[in-house]
C-alpha atoms as a PDB file:
ATOM      1  CA  MET A   1     124.670  92.336  71.919  1.00  0.00           C
ATOM      2  CA  LYS A   2     125.347  94.617  74.898  1.00  0.00           C
ATOM      3  CA  SER A   3     121.733  95.603  75.348  1.00  0.00           C
ATOM      4  CA  ALA A   4     120.789  91.822  74.935  1.00  0.00           C
ATOM      5  CA  LEU A   5     123.279  90.979  77.899  1.00  0.00           C
ATOM      6  CA  ARG A   6     122.175  94.153  79.873  1.00  0.00           C
ATOM      7  CA  ILE A   7     118.220  92.733  79.688  1.00  0.00           C
ATOM      8  CA  LEU A   8     119.432  89.322  80.652  1.00  0.00           C
ATOM      9  CA  ALA A   9     121.108  90.643  83.612  1.00  0.00           C
ATOM     10  CA  GLY A  10     118.135  92.801  84.689  1.00  0.00           C
ATOM     11  CA  ILE A  11     115.891  89.891  84.278  1.00  0.00           C
ATOM     12  CA  ALA A  12     118.345  87.637  86.494  1.00  0.00           C
ATOM     13  CA  ALA A  13     118.439  90.466  89.103  1.00  0.00           C
ATOM     14  CA  MET A  14     114.574  90.900  89.558  1.00  0.00           C
ATOM     15  CA  SER A  15     114.125  87.060  89.874  1.00  0.00           C
ATOM     16  CA  LEU A  16     116.918  86.958  92.644  1.00  0.00           C
ATOM     17  CA  ALA A  17     114.795  89.927  94.334  1.00  0.00           C
ATOM     18  CA  VAL A  18     111.610  88.038  93.922  1.00  0.00           C
ATOM     19  CA  ILE A  19     113.069  84.780  95.461  1.00  0.00           C
ATOM     20  CA  ALA A  20     114.825  86.645  98.174  1.00  0.00           C
ATOM     21  CA  ALA A  21     111.786  88.557  99.201  1.00  0.00           C
ATOM     22  CA  SER A  22     109.302  85.356  99.130  1.00  0.00           C
ATOM     23  CA  ALA A  23     111.984  83.578 101.280  1.00  0.00           C
ATOM     24  CA  GLN A  24     111.875  85.942 103.830  1.00  0.00           C
ATOM     25  CA  SER A  25     108.782  84.785 105.776  1.00  0.00           C
ATOM     26  CA  ALA A  26     107.162  81.338 106.296  1.00  0.00           C
ATOM     27  CA  GLN A  27     103.829  83.088 106.677  1.00  0.00           C
ATOM     28  CA  PRO A  28     103.438  85.705 103.844  1.00  0.00           C
ATOM     29  CA  LYS A  29     100.757  88.325 104.364  1.00  0.00           C
ATOM     30  CA  SER A  30      98.572  87.198 101.567  1.00  0.00           C
ATOM     31  CA  ASP A  31      98.397  83.420 102.217  1.00  0.00           C
ATOM     32  CA  ALA A  32      94.991  83.305 103.412  1.00  0.00           C
ATOM     33  CA  ASN A  33      92.070  81.546 101.311  1.00  0.00           C
ATOM     34  CA  SER A  34      88.877  79.921 101.935  1.00  0.00           C
ATOM     35  CA  SER A  35      90.650  77.043 103.681  1.00  0.00           C
ATOM     36  CA  THR A  36      92.519  78.999 105.893  1.00  0.00           C
ATOM     37  CA  VAL A  37      91.840  79.506 109.717  1.00  0.00           C
ATOM     38  CA  VAL A  38      93.492  82.769 110.862  1.00  0.00           C
ATOM     39  CA  PHE A  39      94.320  83.130 114.548  1.00  0.00           C
ATOM     40  CA  VAL A  40      94.787  86.416 115.832  1.00  0.00           C
ATOM     41  CA  CYS A  41      96.360  87.838 118.969  1.00  0.00           C
ATOM     42  CA  GLU A  42      97.681  91.026 119.911  1.00  0.00           C
ATOM     43  CA  HIS A  43     101.277  90.546 119.280  1.00  0.00           C
ATOM     44  CA  GLY A  44     101.121  87.727 116.659  1.00  0.00           C
ATOM     45  CA  ALA A  45     103.987  86.054 118.444  1.00  0.00           C
ATOM     46  CA  ALA A  46     102.584  83.402 121.168  1.00  0.00           C
ATOM     47  CA  LYS A  47      98.864  82.553 121.569  1.00  0.00           C
ATOM     48  CA  SER A  48      98.145  82.864 117.799  1.00  0.00           C
ATOM     49  CA  VAL A  49     101.375  81.052 116.951  1.00  0.00           C
ATOM     50  CA  ILE A  50     100.633  77.985 119.433  1.00  0.00           C
ATOM     51  CA  ALA A  51      97.092  77.601 117.980  1.00  0.00           C
ATOM     52  CA  ALA A  52      98.193  77.933 114.524  1.00  0.00           C
ATOM     53  CA  ALA A  53     100.922  75.271 114.886  1.00  0.00           C
ATOM     54  CA  TYR A  54      98.662  72.852 116.859  1.00  0.00           C
ATOM     55  CA  PHE A  55      95.837  73.266 114.347  1.00  0.00           C
ATOM     56  CA  ASN A  56      98.151  72.701 111.459  1.00  0.00           C
ATOM     57  CA  ARG A  57      99.136  69.429 113.140  1.00  0.00           C
ATOM     58  CA  LEU A  58      95.713  68.220 113.881  1.00  0.00           C
ATOM     59  CA  ALA A  59      94.204  69.261 110.606  1.00  0.00           C
ATOM     60  CA  THR A  60      96.836  67.305 108.613  1.00  0.00           C
ATOM     61  CA  GLU A  61      96.346  64.160 110.877  1.00  0.00           C
ATOM     62  CA  ARG A  62      92.673  64.234 110.037  1.00  0.00           C
ATOM     63  CA  GLY A  63      93.358  64.759 106.492  1.00  0.00           C
ATOM     64  CA  LEU A  64      91.434  68.276 106.517  1.00  0.00           C
ATOM     65  CA  PRO A  65      92.106  70.670 103.838  1.00  0.00           C
ATOM     66  CA  PHE A  66      92.455  73.642 106.346  1.00  0.00           C
ATOM     67  CA  ARG A  67      95.612  75.187 107.239  1.00  0.00           C
ATOM     68  CA  ALA A  68      96.326  78.070 109.777  1.00  0.00           C
ATOM     69  CA  VAL A  69      98.260  81.264 110.056  1.00  0.00           C
ATOM     70  CA  SER A  70      98.899  83.459 113.088  1.00  0.00           C
ATOM     71  CA  ARG A  71      98.532  87.173 112.748  1.00  0.00           C
ATOM     72  CA  GLY A  72      98.660  90.119 115.133  1.00  0.00           C
ATOM     73  CA  THR A  73      97.116  93.526 115.558  1.00  0.00           C
ATOM     74  CA  LYS A  74     100.255  95.017 116.867  1.00  0.00           C
ATOM     75  CA  PRO A  75     102.811  92.274 115.733  1.00  0.00           C
ATOM     76  CA  ASP A  76     106.041  91.863 117.626  1.00  0.00           C
ATOM     77  CA  GLU A  77     109.461  91.648 115.610  1.00  0.00           C
ATOM     78  CA  THR A  78     110.037  87.940 116.437  1.00  0.00           C
ATOM     79  CA  ILE A  79     108.376  84.913 118.459  1.00  0.00           C
ATOM     80  CA  PRO A  80     109.889  84.778 121.778  1.00  0.00           C
ATOM     81  CA  ALA A  81     112.393  82.109 122.578  1.00  0.00           C
ATOM     82  CA  GLY A  82     110.406  80.478 125.386  1.00  0.00           C
ATOM     83  CA  VAL A  83     107.276  79.862 122.627  1.00  0.00           C
ATOM     84  CA  ARG A  84     109.760  78.500 120.133  1.00  0.00           C
ATOM     85  CA  ALA A  85     111.246  76.108 122.735  1.00  0.00           C
ATOM     86  CA  GLY A  86     107.881  75.013 124.156  1.00  0.00           C
ATOM     87  CA  LEU A  87     106.616  74.234 120.571  1.00  0.00           C
ATOM     88  CA  ALA A  88     109.832  72.633 119.651  1.00  0.00           C
ATOM     89  CA  SER A  89     109.488  70.435 122.568  1.00  0.00           C
ATOM     90  CA  ASP A  90     106.263  69.027 121.386  1.00  0.00           C
ATOM     91  CA  GLY A  91     107.728  68.505 117.728  1.00  0.00           C
ATOM     92  CA  LEU A  92     106.340  71.979 116.237  1.00  0.00           C
ATOM     93  CA  ASP A  93     108.856  73.841 114.420  1.00  0.00           C
ATOM     94  CA  VAL A  94     107.934  77.521 114.150  1.00  0.00           C
ATOM     95  CA  SER A  95     111.684  78.644 113.991  1.00  0.00           C
ATOM     96  CA  THR A  96     110.953  80.462 110.445  1.00  0.00           C
ATOM     97  CA  TRP A  97     107.517  82.072 111.439  1.00  0.00           C
ATOM     98  CA  ARG A  98     107.579  85.795 111.618  1.00  0.00           C
ATOM     99  CA  PRO A  99     104.749  87.817 113.367  1.00  0.00           C
ATOM    100  CA  THR A 100     102.375  89.462 110.783  1.00  0.00           C
ATOM    101  CA  ALA A 101      99.793  92.139 110.829  1.00  0.00           C
ATOM    102  CA  VAL A 102      96.337  90.980 110.302  1.00  0.00           C
ATOM    103  CA  SER A 103      94.991  92.340 107.059  1.00  0.00           C
ATOM    104  CA  ASP A 104      91.577  92.848 105.641  1.00  0.00           C
ATOM    105  CA  GLN A 105      92.338  90.288 102.958  1.00  0.00           C
ATOM    106  CA  ASP A 106      93.309  87.724 105.715  1.00  0.00           C
ATOM    107  CA  ILE A 107      90.014  88.060 107.123  1.00  0.00           C
ATOM    108  CA  ARG A 108      87.842  88.180 103.939  1.00  0.00           C
ATOM    109  CA  GLN A 109      89.577  85.178 102.518  1.00  0.00           C
ATOM    110  CA  ALA A 110      89.624  83.044 105.581  1.00  0.00           C
ATOM    111  CA  ALA A 111      87.380  80.220 106.372  1.00  0.00           C
ATOM    112  CA  GLN A 112      87.532  81.010 109.935  1.00  0.00           C
ATOM    113  CA  VAL A 113      89.079  83.858 112.260  1.00  0.00           C
ATOM    114  CA  VAL A 114      90.093  83.058 115.924  1.00  0.00           C
ATOM    115  CA  SER A 115      90.714  85.826 118.212  1.00  0.00           C
ATOM    116  CA  LEU A 116      92.584  85.048 121.130  1.00  0.00           C
ATOM    117  CA  ALA A 117      91.967  87.752 123.759  1.00  0.00           C
ATOM    118  CA  THR A 118      92.195  90.492 121.484  1.00  0.00           C
ATOM    119  CA  ASP A 119      89.936  93.081 119.678  1.00  0.00           C
ATOM    120  CA  LEU A 120      89.954  93.230 116.084  1.00  0.00           C
ATOM    121  CA  PRO A 121      89.878  96.807 114.944  1.00  0.00           C
ATOM    122  CA  ALA A 122      85.999  98.149 114.420  1.00  0.00           C
ATOM    123  CA  ARG A 123      86.931  98.769 110.765  1.00  0.00           C
ATOM    124  CA  LYS A 124      86.616  95.057 110.181  1.00  0.00           C
ATOM    125  CA  PRO A 125      82.839  94.521 110.224  1.00  0.00           C
ATOM    126  CA  PHE A 126      82.986  91.525 107.631  1.00  0.00           C
ATOM    127  CA  VAL A 127      84.760  89.266 110.296  1.00  0.00           C
ATOM    128  CA  LYS A 128      81.707  89.094 112.433  1.00  0.00           C
ATOM    129  CA  THR A 129      80.214  86.096 110.372  1.00  0.00           C
ATOM    130  CA  LYS A 130      83.167  83.913 110.940  1.00  0.00           C
ATOM    131  CA  LEU A 131      84.734  84.975 114.042  1.00  0.00           C
ATOM    132  CA  LEU A 132      85.309  82.691 117.171  1.00  0.00           C
ATOM    133  CA  GLU A 133      86.512  84.596 120.298  1.00  0.00           C
ATOM    134  CA  TRP A 134      88.865  82.643 122.930  1.00  0.00           C
ATOM    135  CA  ASN A 135      88.923  85.094 125.486  1.00  0.00           C
ATOM    136  CA  ASP A 136      89.784  83.070 128.341  1.00  0.00           C
ATOM    137  CA  ILE A 137      93.301  81.941 127.464  1.00  0.00           C
ATOM    138  CA  PRO A 138      95.800  82.480 130.178  1.00  0.00           C
ATOM    139  CA  SER A 139      98.674  84.633 129.562  1.00  0.00           C
ATOM    140  CA  VAL A 140     101.865  82.898 127.756  1.00  0.00           C
ATOM    141  CA  SER A 141     104.422  84.708 129.524  1.00  0.00           C
ATOM    142  CA  GLU A 142     102.848  84.230 133.085  1.00  0.00           C
ATOM    143  CA  ASN A 143     102.320  80.340 132.452  1.00  0.00           C
ATOM    144  CA  TYR A 144     103.248  78.991 129.095  1.00  0.00           C
ATOM    145  CA  GLU A 145     101.916  75.185 130.126  1.00  0.00           C
ATOM    146  CA  ALA A 146      98.592  76.703 131.215  1.00  0.00           C
ATOM    147  CA  ALA A 147      98.234  78.685 128.015  1.00  0.00           C
ATOM    148  CA  ARG A 148      99.127  75.864 125.784  1.00  0.00           C
ATOM    149  CA  ALA A 149      96.540  73.413 127.303  1.00  0.00           C
ATOM    150  CA  ALA A 150      93.835  76.091 127.171  1.00  0.00           C
ATOM    151  CA  ILE A 151      94.779  76.812 123.677  1.00  0.00           C
ATOM    152  CA  VAL A 152      95.035  73.116 122.561  1.00  0.00           C
ATOM    153  CA  VAL A 153      91.571  72.284 124.146  1.00  0.00           C
ATOM    154  CA  GLN A 154      90.185  75.083 122.001  1.00  0.00           C
ATOM    155  CA  VAL A 155      91.957  73.994 118.977  1.00  0.00           C
ATOM    156  CA  LYS A 156      90.984  70.353 119.114  1.00  0.00           C
ATOM    157  CA  GLN A 157      87.219  71.545 119.256  1.00  0.00           C
ATOM    158  CA  LEU A 158      87.643  73.646 116.524  1.00  0.00           C
ATOM    159  CA  VAL A 159      89.144  70.789 114.447  1.00  0.00           C
ATOM    160  CA  GLU A 160      86.317  68.531 115.409  1.00  0.00           C
ATOM    161  CA  ASN A 161      83.972  70.997 114.294  1.00  0.00           C
ATOM    162  CA  LEU A 162      85.509  71.327 110.844  1.00  0.00           C
ATOM    163  CA  SER A 163      85.709  67.954 110.479  1.00  0.00           C
ATOM    164  CA  LYS A 164      82.166  67.237 111.077  1.00  0.00           C
ATOM    165  CA  ALA A 165      81.295  69.962 108.658  1.00  0.00           C
ATOM    166  CA  GLU A 166      83.437  68.521 106.133  1.00  0.00           C
ATOM    167  CA  LYS A 167      81.589  65.178 106.265  1.00  0.00           C
ATOM    168  CA  LYS A 168      78.136  66.843 105.687  1.00  0.00           C
END
């Protein structure tokens, strides 16, 4: 009887640990798949977050099967308050998002990879066939409004292109 209780207690403890681990981030490291667009900026905390948030809104509005995640080559600890506030003012909630390092799995499984003024490491040659580079985006920390506007223009074009490809 005692050993059965110990086994049940162990199972319960492991279940709680799994639940707690999965609840830590709204963007888990291995969530990329063939319907994922991976936006990558240096810190994974501003440009890629803005792009992913707007992309998800527009793709949902269009009924597209794609969803976006944001990643960083050298991720920060958190998303800056100004970015969270700016997106919140547009009705986009990223309060549970956490900057995450881009992984080989993210890139391999993604439908599209968008680099926002950052270089993906040379050890990721398999990205070349699905890579878009948006290198002319203004600095978010210097001018949030200008950066957001430039990103939104690019995101709208990407959504339009994906929408056309879906109809073929």
